[in-house]
N, C-alpha and C. Protein backbone atom coordinates (compact mmCIF):
# COMPACT_ATOMS: atom_id res chain seq x y z
N MET A 1 6.30 16.14 -3.38
CA MET A 1 7.50 15.33 -3.33
C MET A 1 7.30 14.11 -4.22
N HIS A 2 8.32 13.77 -4.97
CA HIS A 2 8.29 12.57 -5.80
C HIS A 2 9.02 11.46 -5.05
N ILE A 3 8.37 10.31 -4.90
CA ILE A 3 8.91 9.19 -4.14
C ILE A 3 9.18 8.02 -5.07
N LEU A 4 10.39 7.47 -4.99
CA LEU A 4 10.74 6.28 -5.75
C LEU A 4 10.73 5.08 -4.82
N THR A 5 10.27 3.93 -5.34
CA THR A 5 10.29 2.70 -4.54
C THR A 5 11.57 1.93 -4.84
N PRO A 6 12.08 1.20 -3.85
CA PRO A 6 11.61 1.07 -2.47
C PRO A 6 11.83 2.37 -1.70
N VAL A 7 10.99 2.58 -0.69
CA VAL A 7 10.99 3.81 0.08
C VAL A 7 11.85 3.62 1.33
N CYS A 8 12.74 4.56 1.57
CA CYS A 8 13.63 4.45 2.74
C CYS A 8 13.03 5.20 3.94
N ASP A 9 13.52 4.87 5.13
CA ASP A 9 13.06 5.51 6.36
C ASP A 9 13.24 7.02 6.34
N GLU A 10 14.32 7.49 5.72
CA GLU A 10 14.58 8.93 5.67
C GLU A 10 13.46 9.68 4.95
N ILE A 11 12.97 9.12 3.86
CA ILE A 11 11.86 9.74 3.11
C ILE A 11 10.61 9.75 3.98
N ILE A 12 10.31 8.62 4.63
CA ILE A 12 9.12 8.54 5.48
C ILE A 12 9.18 9.58 6.59
N SER A 13 10.35 9.76 7.17
CA SER A 13 10.48 10.72 8.28
C SER A 13 10.21 12.16 7.85
N LYS A 14 10.35 12.47 6.57
CA LYS A 14 10.12 13.83 6.07
C LYS A 14 8.65 14.10 5.73
N LEU A 15 7.84 13.05 5.60
CA LEU A 15 6.45 13.24 5.18
C LEU A 15 5.58 13.76 6.31
N LYS A 16 4.64 14.64 5.97
CA LYS A 16 3.68 15.17 6.93
C LYS A 16 2.27 14.97 6.38
N ILE A 17 1.29 14.88 7.28
CA ILE A 17 -0.08 14.73 6.80
C ILE A 17 -0.43 15.95 5.94
N GLY A 18 -1.16 15.67 4.87
CA GLY A 18 -1.53 16.71 3.92
C GLY A 18 -0.56 16.86 2.76
N ASP A 19 0.65 16.28 2.88
CA ASP A 19 1.61 16.37 1.77
C ASP A 19 1.06 15.66 0.54
N MET A 20 1.20 16.30 -0.61
CA MET A 20 0.85 15.67 -1.88
C MET A 20 2.13 15.05 -2.43
N VAL A 21 2.03 13.78 -2.82
CA VAL A 21 3.20 13.07 -3.34
C VAL A 21 2.84 12.37 -4.65
N THR A 22 3.87 12.02 -5.39
CA THR A 22 3.72 11.11 -6.52
C THR A 22 4.67 9.96 -6.28
N ILE A 23 4.28 8.78 -6.73
CA ILE A 23 5.05 7.57 -6.47
C ILE A 23 5.40 6.92 -7.80
N SER A 24 6.66 6.52 -7.94
CA SER A 24 7.11 5.81 -9.13
C SER A 24 7.93 4.61 -8.72
N GLY A 25 7.85 3.56 -9.51
CA GLY A 25 8.57 2.32 -9.24
C GLY A 25 7.59 1.18 -9.15
N TYR A 26 7.96 0.15 -8.41
CA TYR A 26 7.10 -1.02 -8.26
C TYR A 26 6.32 -0.95 -6.96
N ILE A 27 5.02 -1.25 -7.05
CA ILE A 27 4.15 -1.28 -5.87
C ILE A 27 3.35 -2.58 -5.90
N TYR A 28 2.99 -3.08 -4.71
CA TYR A 28 2.12 -4.24 -4.61
C TYR A 28 0.67 -3.78 -4.54
N CYS A 29 -0.23 -4.60 -5.05
CA CYS A 29 -1.66 -4.33 -4.99
C CYS A 29 -2.36 -5.52 -4.37
N GLY A 30 -3.22 -5.26 -3.39
CA GLY A 30 -3.99 -6.33 -2.77
C GLY A 30 -5.14 -5.74 -1.98
N ARG A 31 -6.11 -6.58 -1.69
CA ARG A 31 -7.24 -6.13 -0.88
C ARG A 31 -7.69 -7.26 0.03
N ASP A 32 -8.95 -7.30 0.42
CA ASP A 32 -9.41 -8.19 1.48
C ASP A 32 -9.16 -9.68 1.23
N ALA A 33 -9.16 -10.14 -0.01
CA ALA A 33 -8.95 -11.57 -0.27
C ALA A 33 -7.50 -11.99 -0.09
N VAL A 34 -6.55 -11.11 -0.36
CA VAL A 34 -5.15 -11.53 -0.40
C VAL A 34 -4.27 -10.96 0.71
N LEU A 35 -4.57 -9.78 1.22
CA LEU A 35 -3.68 -9.20 2.24
C LEU A 35 -3.55 -10.06 3.50
N PRO A 36 -4.63 -10.69 4.00
CA PRO A 36 -4.44 -11.60 5.13
C PRO A 36 -3.50 -12.76 4.81
N LYS A 37 -3.48 -13.21 3.56
CA LYS A 37 -2.56 -14.29 3.16
C LYS A 37 -1.11 -13.80 3.19
N VAL A 38 -0.89 -12.57 2.77
CA VAL A 38 0.46 -12.00 2.80
C VAL A 38 0.91 -11.83 4.25
N VAL A 39 0.01 -11.37 5.11
CA VAL A 39 0.32 -11.25 6.55
C VAL A 39 0.72 -12.62 7.10
N HIS A 40 -0.03 -13.65 6.75
CA HIS A 40 0.28 -15.01 7.22
C HIS A 40 1.69 -15.43 6.78
N LEU A 41 2.04 -15.18 5.51
CA LEU A 41 3.39 -15.50 5.04
C LEU A 41 4.45 -14.73 5.83
N ALA A 42 4.19 -13.46 6.11
CA ALA A 42 5.15 -12.64 6.86
C ALA A 42 5.32 -13.18 8.27
N GLU A 43 4.20 -13.51 8.92
CA GLU A 43 4.27 -14.01 10.30
C GLU A 43 4.96 -15.36 10.39
N LYS A 44 4.89 -16.16 9.33
CA LYS A 44 5.55 -17.47 9.30
C LYS A 44 6.97 -17.40 8.76
N GLY A 45 7.42 -16.19 8.37
CA GLY A 45 8.77 -16.05 7.82
C GLY A 45 8.93 -16.64 6.44
N LEU A 46 7.85 -16.67 5.66
CA LEU A 46 7.86 -17.33 4.35
C LEU A 46 7.85 -16.37 3.17
N LEU A 47 7.99 -15.08 3.41
CA LEU A 47 7.93 -14.12 2.30
C LEU A 47 9.06 -14.34 1.29
N GLU A 48 10.27 -14.55 1.80
CA GLU A 48 11.41 -14.73 0.91
C GLU A 48 11.20 -15.91 -0.04
N GLN A 49 10.67 -17.02 0.49
CA GLN A 49 10.39 -18.19 -0.34
C GLN A 49 9.34 -17.88 -1.39
N SER A 50 8.48 -16.93 -1.12
CA SER A 50 7.40 -16.58 -2.03
C SER A 50 7.81 -15.49 -3.02
N CYS A 51 9.07 -15.07 -2.98
CA CYS A 51 9.58 -14.01 -3.86
C CYS A 51 8.84 -12.69 -3.66
N ILE A 52 8.40 -12.43 -2.43
CA ILE A 52 7.75 -11.17 -2.10
C ILE A 52 8.69 -10.40 -1.19
N ASP A 53 9.15 -9.25 -1.64
CA ASP A 53 10.07 -8.42 -0.85
C ASP A 53 9.33 -7.16 -0.44
N LEU A 54 8.95 -7.08 0.83
CA LEU A 54 8.19 -5.93 1.33
C LEU A 54 9.08 -4.80 1.85
N SER A 55 10.38 -5.00 1.90
CA SER A 55 11.30 -3.98 2.44
C SER A 55 11.21 -2.69 1.65
N GLY A 56 10.75 -1.63 2.32
CA GLY A 56 10.58 -0.35 1.65
C GLY A 56 9.43 -0.33 0.68
N GLY A 57 8.55 -1.32 0.81
CA GLY A 57 7.47 -1.50 -0.16
C GLY A 57 6.31 -0.55 0.00
N VAL A 58 5.49 -0.52 -1.04
CA VAL A 58 4.25 0.24 -1.08
C VAL A 58 3.15 -0.77 -1.40
N VAL A 59 2.05 -0.74 -0.62
CA VAL A 59 0.90 -1.61 -0.88
C VAL A 59 -0.30 -0.72 -1.18
N PHE A 60 -0.89 -0.94 -2.34
CA PHE A 60 -2.07 -0.20 -2.78
C PHE A 60 -3.28 -1.10 -2.55
N HIS A 61 -4.26 -0.63 -1.79
CA HIS A 61 -5.46 -1.40 -1.49
C HIS A 61 -6.40 -1.33 -2.70
N THR A 62 -6.23 -2.31 -3.59
CA THR A 62 -7.00 -2.36 -4.83
C THR A 62 -6.94 -3.75 -5.43
N ALA A 63 -7.87 -4.04 -6.31
CA ALA A 63 -7.80 -5.21 -7.18
C ALA A 63 -7.30 -4.69 -8.53
N VAL A 64 -6.78 -5.58 -9.35
CA VAL A 64 -6.29 -5.18 -10.66
C VAL A 64 -7.19 -5.83 -11.70
N SER A 65 -8.01 -5.03 -12.34
CA SER A 65 -8.96 -5.55 -13.33
C SER A 65 -8.59 -5.02 -14.70
N PRO A 66 -9.17 -5.59 -15.74
CA PRO A 66 -8.91 -5.07 -17.09
C PRO A 66 -9.29 -3.59 -17.23
N ALA A 67 -10.21 -3.12 -16.40
CA ALA A 67 -10.62 -1.72 -16.46
C ALA A 67 -9.62 -0.80 -15.79
N GLY A 68 -8.68 -1.34 -15.03
CA GLY A 68 -7.69 -0.52 -14.35
C GLY A 68 -7.72 -0.72 -12.85
N VAL A 69 -7.14 0.21 -12.14
CA VAL A 69 -7.06 0.14 -10.68
C VAL A 69 -7.68 1.40 -10.08
N GLY A 70 -8.29 1.22 -8.93
CA GLY A 70 -8.84 2.33 -8.17
C GLY A 70 -8.85 1.91 -6.71
N PRO A 71 -8.74 2.85 -5.79
CA PRO A 71 -8.62 2.49 -4.38
C PRO A 71 -9.90 1.87 -3.82
N THR A 72 -9.73 0.91 -2.92
CA THR A 72 -10.85 0.37 -2.17
C THR A 72 -10.74 0.91 -0.74
N SER A 73 -11.78 0.73 0.03
CA SER A 73 -11.81 1.25 1.40
C SER A 73 -10.79 0.52 2.27
N SER A 74 -9.87 1.27 2.82
CA SER A 74 -8.80 0.70 3.63
C SER A 74 -9.27 0.31 5.02
N ASN A 75 -10.45 0.78 5.42
CA ASN A 75 -10.93 0.45 6.76
C ASN A 75 -11.78 -0.81 6.81
N LYS A 76 -11.80 -1.61 5.72
CA LYS A 76 -12.41 -2.93 5.78
C LYS A 76 -11.56 -3.77 6.74
N LEU A 77 -12.20 -4.60 7.55
CA LEU A 77 -11.50 -5.37 8.58
C LEU A 77 -10.27 -6.09 8.06
N GLU A 78 -10.41 -6.83 6.96
CA GLU A 78 -9.29 -7.63 6.44
C GLU A 78 -8.14 -6.76 5.95
N ILE A 79 -8.47 -5.59 5.44
CA ILE A 79 -7.42 -4.70 4.94
C ILE A 79 -6.77 -3.94 6.09
N GLU A 80 -7.59 -3.28 6.92
CA GLU A 80 -7.01 -2.48 8.00
C GLU A 80 -6.21 -3.34 8.97
N SER A 81 -6.66 -4.57 9.22
CA SER A 81 -5.91 -5.42 10.16
C SER A 81 -4.58 -5.90 9.56
N SER A 82 -4.39 -5.71 8.26
CA SER A 82 -3.10 -6.08 7.64
C SER A 82 -2.08 -4.95 7.71
N ILE A 83 -2.52 -3.74 7.96
CA ILE A 83 -1.61 -2.58 7.85
C ILE A 83 -0.45 -2.64 8.84
N GLU A 84 -0.71 -2.87 10.13
CA GLU A 84 0.40 -2.92 11.08
C GLU A 84 1.33 -4.10 10.83
N PRO A 85 0.81 -5.34 10.66
CA PRO A 85 1.77 -6.44 10.43
C PRO A 85 2.57 -6.28 9.14
N LEU A 86 1.98 -5.73 8.10
CA LEU A 86 2.75 -5.52 6.87
C LEU A 86 3.77 -4.40 7.06
N SER A 87 3.44 -3.40 7.86
CA SER A 87 4.43 -2.34 8.18
C SER A 87 5.59 -2.95 8.96
N LYS A 88 5.28 -3.83 9.90
CA LYS A 88 6.33 -4.52 10.66
C LYS A 88 7.22 -5.34 9.73
N ALA A 89 6.62 -5.90 8.65
CA ALA A 89 7.37 -6.72 7.70
C ALA A 89 8.15 -5.88 6.69
N GLY A 90 8.02 -4.55 6.74
CA GLY A 90 8.84 -3.70 5.88
C GLY A 90 8.10 -2.73 4.99
N VAL A 91 6.78 -2.84 4.87
CA VAL A 91 6.03 -1.91 4.02
C VAL A 91 6.12 -0.51 4.62
N LYS A 92 6.42 0.47 3.80
CA LYS A 92 6.58 1.85 4.26
C LYS A 92 5.38 2.73 3.92
N MET A 93 4.64 2.38 2.87
CA MET A 93 3.46 3.17 2.49
C MET A 93 2.30 2.25 2.16
N HIS A 94 1.13 2.63 2.66
CA HIS A 94 -0.12 1.94 2.34
C HIS A 94 -1.00 2.97 1.63
N LEU A 95 -1.57 2.59 0.49
CA LEU A 95 -2.38 3.50 -0.31
C LEU A 95 -3.80 2.97 -0.37
N GLY A 96 -4.78 3.84 -0.19
CA GLY A 96 -6.17 3.42 -0.28
C GLY A 96 -7.09 4.60 -0.16
N LYS A 97 -8.22 4.37 0.50
CA LYS A 97 -9.14 5.49 0.75
C LYS A 97 -9.87 5.25 2.06
N GLY A 98 -10.36 6.34 2.63
CA GLY A 98 -11.15 6.26 3.86
C GLY A 98 -10.33 6.45 5.11
N ALA A 99 -11.05 6.74 6.20
CA ALA A 99 -10.41 6.94 7.50
C ALA A 99 -9.97 5.61 8.09
N ILE A 100 -8.84 5.61 8.76
CA ILE A 100 -8.36 4.42 9.48
C ILE A 100 -8.40 4.74 10.97
N SER A 101 -8.40 3.70 11.79
CA SER A 101 -8.58 3.86 13.23
C SER A 101 -7.33 4.43 13.91
N PRO A 102 -7.52 5.03 15.09
CA PRO A 102 -6.36 5.52 15.86
C PRO A 102 -5.36 4.39 16.15
N LYS A 103 -5.85 3.18 16.39
CA LYS A 103 -4.95 2.04 16.65
C LYS A 103 -4.05 1.78 15.43
N THR A 104 -4.63 1.88 14.23
CA THR A 104 -3.85 1.67 13.01
C THR A 104 -2.85 2.80 12.81
N VAL A 105 -3.27 4.03 13.10
CA VAL A 105 -2.37 5.18 13.00
C VAL A 105 -1.17 4.98 13.93
N GLU A 106 -1.42 4.48 15.12
CA GLU A 106 -0.34 4.21 16.08
C GLU A 106 0.56 3.09 15.56
N GLY A 107 -0.03 2.06 14.96
CA GLY A 107 0.78 0.97 14.38
C GLY A 107 1.68 1.47 13.27
N LEU A 108 1.19 2.38 12.46
CA LEU A 108 2.03 2.99 11.41
C LEU A 108 3.20 3.75 12.05
N ARG A 109 2.90 4.55 13.08
CA ARG A 109 3.95 5.31 13.76
C ARG A 109 5.02 4.39 14.32
N LYS A 110 4.57 3.32 14.96
CA LYS A 110 5.47 2.36 15.60
C LYS A 110 6.48 1.76 14.62
N HIS A 111 6.06 1.58 13.36
CA HIS A 111 6.91 0.93 12.36
C HIS A 111 7.41 1.90 11.29
N ASN A 112 7.31 3.22 11.58
CA ASN A 112 7.77 4.26 10.66
C ASN A 112 7.22 4.05 9.24
N ALA A 113 5.90 3.94 9.18
CA ALA A 113 5.21 3.79 7.90
C ALA A 113 4.11 4.85 7.82
N VAL A 114 3.56 5.06 6.63
CA VAL A 114 2.51 6.06 6.44
C VAL A 114 1.36 5.46 5.64
N PHE A 115 0.22 6.16 5.71
CA PHE A 115 -0.97 5.83 4.93
C PHE A 115 -1.28 7.04 4.06
N ALA A 116 -1.52 6.80 2.78
CA ALA A 116 -1.87 7.88 1.86
C ALA A 116 -3.15 7.52 1.14
N VAL A 117 -3.95 8.53 0.87
CA VAL A 117 -5.19 8.31 0.13
C VAL A 117 -4.97 8.65 -1.33
N ILE A 118 -5.64 7.87 -2.16
CA ILE A 118 -5.60 8.10 -3.60
C ILE A 118 -7.02 8.38 -4.04
N PRO A 119 -7.24 9.47 -4.73
CA PRO A 119 -8.59 9.75 -5.22
C PRO A 119 -9.04 8.64 -6.18
N PRO A 120 -10.33 8.36 -6.23
CA PRO A 120 -10.83 7.31 -7.13
C PRO A 120 -10.84 7.80 -8.58
N VAL A 121 -9.66 7.79 -9.18
CA VAL A 121 -9.48 8.29 -10.55
C VAL A 121 -8.87 7.19 -11.42
N THR A 122 -9.63 6.14 -11.66
CA THR A 122 -9.13 4.96 -12.36
C THR A 122 -8.48 5.29 -13.70
N ALA A 123 -9.07 6.16 -14.48
CA ALA A 123 -8.50 6.48 -15.79
C ALA A 123 -7.12 7.11 -15.65
N LEU A 124 -6.94 8.02 -14.70
CA LEU A 124 -5.64 8.65 -14.46
C LEU A 124 -4.61 7.61 -14.03
N LEU A 125 -5.01 6.72 -13.11
CA LEU A 125 -4.08 5.71 -12.61
C LEU A 125 -3.69 4.72 -13.70
N GLU A 126 -4.63 4.35 -14.55
CA GLU A 126 -4.33 3.42 -15.64
C GLU A 126 -3.28 4.03 -16.56
N ASP A 127 -3.38 5.31 -16.81
CA ASP A 127 -2.42 6.01 -17.66
C ASP A 127 -1.02 6.02 -17.04
N LYS A 128 -0.93 5.90 -15.71
CA LYS A 128 0.35 5.94 -15.00
C LYS A 128 0.85 4.54 -14.63
N THR A 129 0.14 3.50 -15.10
CA THR A 129 0.53 2.11 -14.85
C THR A 129 1.26 1.59 -16.07
N LEU A 130 2.52 1.22 -15.90
CA LEU A 130 3.35 0.79 -17.01
C LEU A 130 3.38 -0.72 -17.19
N LYS A 131 3.16 -1.47 -16.09
CA LYS A 131 3.29 -2.92 -16.15
C LYS A 131 2.47 -3.54 -15.04
N LYS A 132 1.86 -4.72 -15.30
CA LYS A 132 1.09 -5.45 -14.29
C LYS A 132 1.57 -6.90 -14.27
N ILE A 133 1.90 -7.39 -13.05
CA ILE A 133 2.41 -8.76 -12.90
C ILE A 133 1.72 -9.41 -11.70
N VAL A 134 1.20 -10.63 -11.88
CA VAL A 134 0.69 -11.39 -10.74
C VAL A 134 1.89 -12.02 -10.06
N VAL A 135 2.06 -11.76 -8.73
CA VAL A 135 3.22 -12.29 -8.02
C VAL A 135 2.87 -13.39 -7.03
N ALA A 136 1.61 -13.48 -6.61
CA ALA A 136 1.21 -14.53 -5.66
C ALA A 136 -0.31 -14.67 -5.65
N PHE A 137 -0.75 -15.85 -5.30
CA PHE A 137 -2.17 -16.17 -5.14
C PHE A 137 -2.99 -15.92 -6.41
N PRO A 138 -2.56 -16.49 -7.56
CA PRO A 138 -3.28 -16.27 -8.81
C PRO A 138 -4.72 -16.79 -8.77
N GLU A 139 -4.99 -17.73 -7.88
CA GLU A 139 -6.34 -18.27 -7.76
C GLU A 139 -7.36 -17.21 -7.34
N GLU A 140 -6.90 -16.08 -6.84
CA GLU A 140 -7.80 -15.00 -6.42
C GLU A 140 -8.21 -14.10 -7.58
N GLY A 141 -7.75 -14.43 -8.80
CA GLY A 141 -8.14 -13.64 -9.97
C GLY A 141 -7.67 -12.20 -9.86
N MET A 142 -8.60 -11.25 -10.09
CA MET A 142 -8.18 -9.85 -10.05
C MET A 142 -7.81 -9.40 -8.65
N GLU A 143 -8.12 -10.21 -7.62
CA GLU A 143 -7.73 -9.89 -6.25
C GLU A 143 -6.43 -10.59 -5.84
N ALA A 144 -5.74 -11.23 -6.78
CA ALA A 144 -4.42 -11.81 -6.51
C ALA A 144 -3.47 -10.70 -6.09
N LEU A 145 -2.33 -11.07 -5.50
CA LEU A 145 -1.31 -10.08 -5.19
C LEU A 145 -0.61 -9.73 -6.50
N HIS A 146 -0.74 -8.48 -6.89
CA HIS A 146 -0.12 -7.99 -8.11
C HIS A 146 1.03 -7.05 -7.76
N MET A 147 1.95 -6.91 -8.71
CA MET A 147 2.96 -5.88 -8.63
C MET A 147 2.75 -5.02 -9.87
N LEU A 148 2.69 -3.72 -9.65
CA LEU A 148 2.58 -2.78 -10.75
C LEU A 148 3.85 -1.96 -10.85
N LYS A 149 4.23 -1.64 -12.07
CA LYS A 149 5.26 -0.62 -12.27
C LYS A 149 4.50 0.65 -12.60
N VAL A 150 4.70 1.68 -11.78
CA VAL A 150 3.93 2.92 -11.94
C VAL A 150 4.87 4.10 -12.14
N ASP A 151 4.33 5.15 -12.71
CA ASP A 151 5.10 6.37 -12.92
C ASP A 151 4.22 7.56 -12.58
N GLY A 152 4.45 8.14 -11.40
CA GLY A 152 3.75 9.34 -11.00
C GLY A 152 2.37 9.12 -10.41
N PHE A 153 2.16 8.02 -9.68
CA PHE A 153 0.88 7.80 -8.99
C PHE A 153 0.67 8.92 -7.97
N PRO A 154 -0.45 9.64 -8.03
CA PRO A 154 -0.69 10.73 -7.08
C PRO A 154 -1.31 10.21 -5.78
N ALA A 155 -0.90 10.81 -4.66
CA ALA A 155 -1.47 10.44 -3.36
C ALA A 155 -1.30 11.60 -2.39
N ILE A 156 -2.11 11.58 -1.33
CA ILE A 156 -2.03 12.59 -0.27
C ILE A 156 -1.79 11.85 1.04
N ILE A 157 -0.76 12.24 1.78
CA ILE A 157 -0.44 11.58 3.05
C ILE A 157 -1.57 11.85 4.03
N ALA A 158 -2.22 10.77 4.51
CA ALA A 158 -3.38 10.89 5.40
C ALA A 158 -3.05 10.51 6.84
N ALA A 159 -2.00 9.72 7.06
CA ALA A 159 -1.58 9.35 8.42
C ALA A 159 -0.07 9.18 8.41
N ALA A 160 0.58 9.89 9.35
CA ALA A 160 2.04 9.82 9.46
C ALA A 160 2.46 10.24 10.86
N HIS A 161 3.39 9.51 11.44
CA HIS A 161 4.01 9.88 12.71
C HIS A 161 2.99 10.09 13.83
N GLY A 162 1.95 9.27 13.85
CA GLY A 162 0.94 9.32 14.90
C GLY A 162 -0.15 10.35 14.68
N GLU A 163 -0.13 11.05 13.56
CA GLU A 163 -1.14 12.06 13.25
C GLU A 163 -1.97 11.59 12.05
N THR A 164 -3.20 12.10 11.95
CA THR A 164 -4.06 11.76 10.83
C THR A 164 -4.88 12.97 10.40
N ILE A 165 -5.23 13.03 9.12
CA ILE A 165 -6.07 14.13 8.64
C ILE A 165 -7.52 13.93 9.06
N TYR A 166 -7.83 12.75 9.58
CA TYR A 166 -9.21 12.43 9.94
C TYR A 166 -9.59 12.84 11.35
N GLY A 167 -8.76 13.61 12.02
CA GLY A 167 -9.12 14.16 13.33
C GLY A 167 -8.66 13.42 14.46
């Protein structure tokens, strides 16, 4: 299935674990240094002032370096603890790698969001990245919150509707 951002609830409801998807449009990128800051903005109701629109959004757990992008482990404390609050704030897809906890899988279900894994294929992803923009927290360097325009990012749905490929 080819998914365009922003992602609507109807698309999320059709996804099943194991589905292979491609994603096109704008996605946010962040990891342990910046995702807790985005959660803080969401909890304080300050996202709009920060020009960050998470409605139907996709968050890729990665830093953006001159070498390109590749997934980081989504089960790092700072990253995994951001998944449910960001889903509550409107994020529909989280992209990364590694197993996530049953509690996080339940949080995704509760907010009609999914988690997809991306193979560590930096060269392929760089070829599918059309634009890179720093949107918040530039002081974090390559770990700042970035927005990428992507065309055909490959992913496999790893957690959806309370189920996970990790058992």
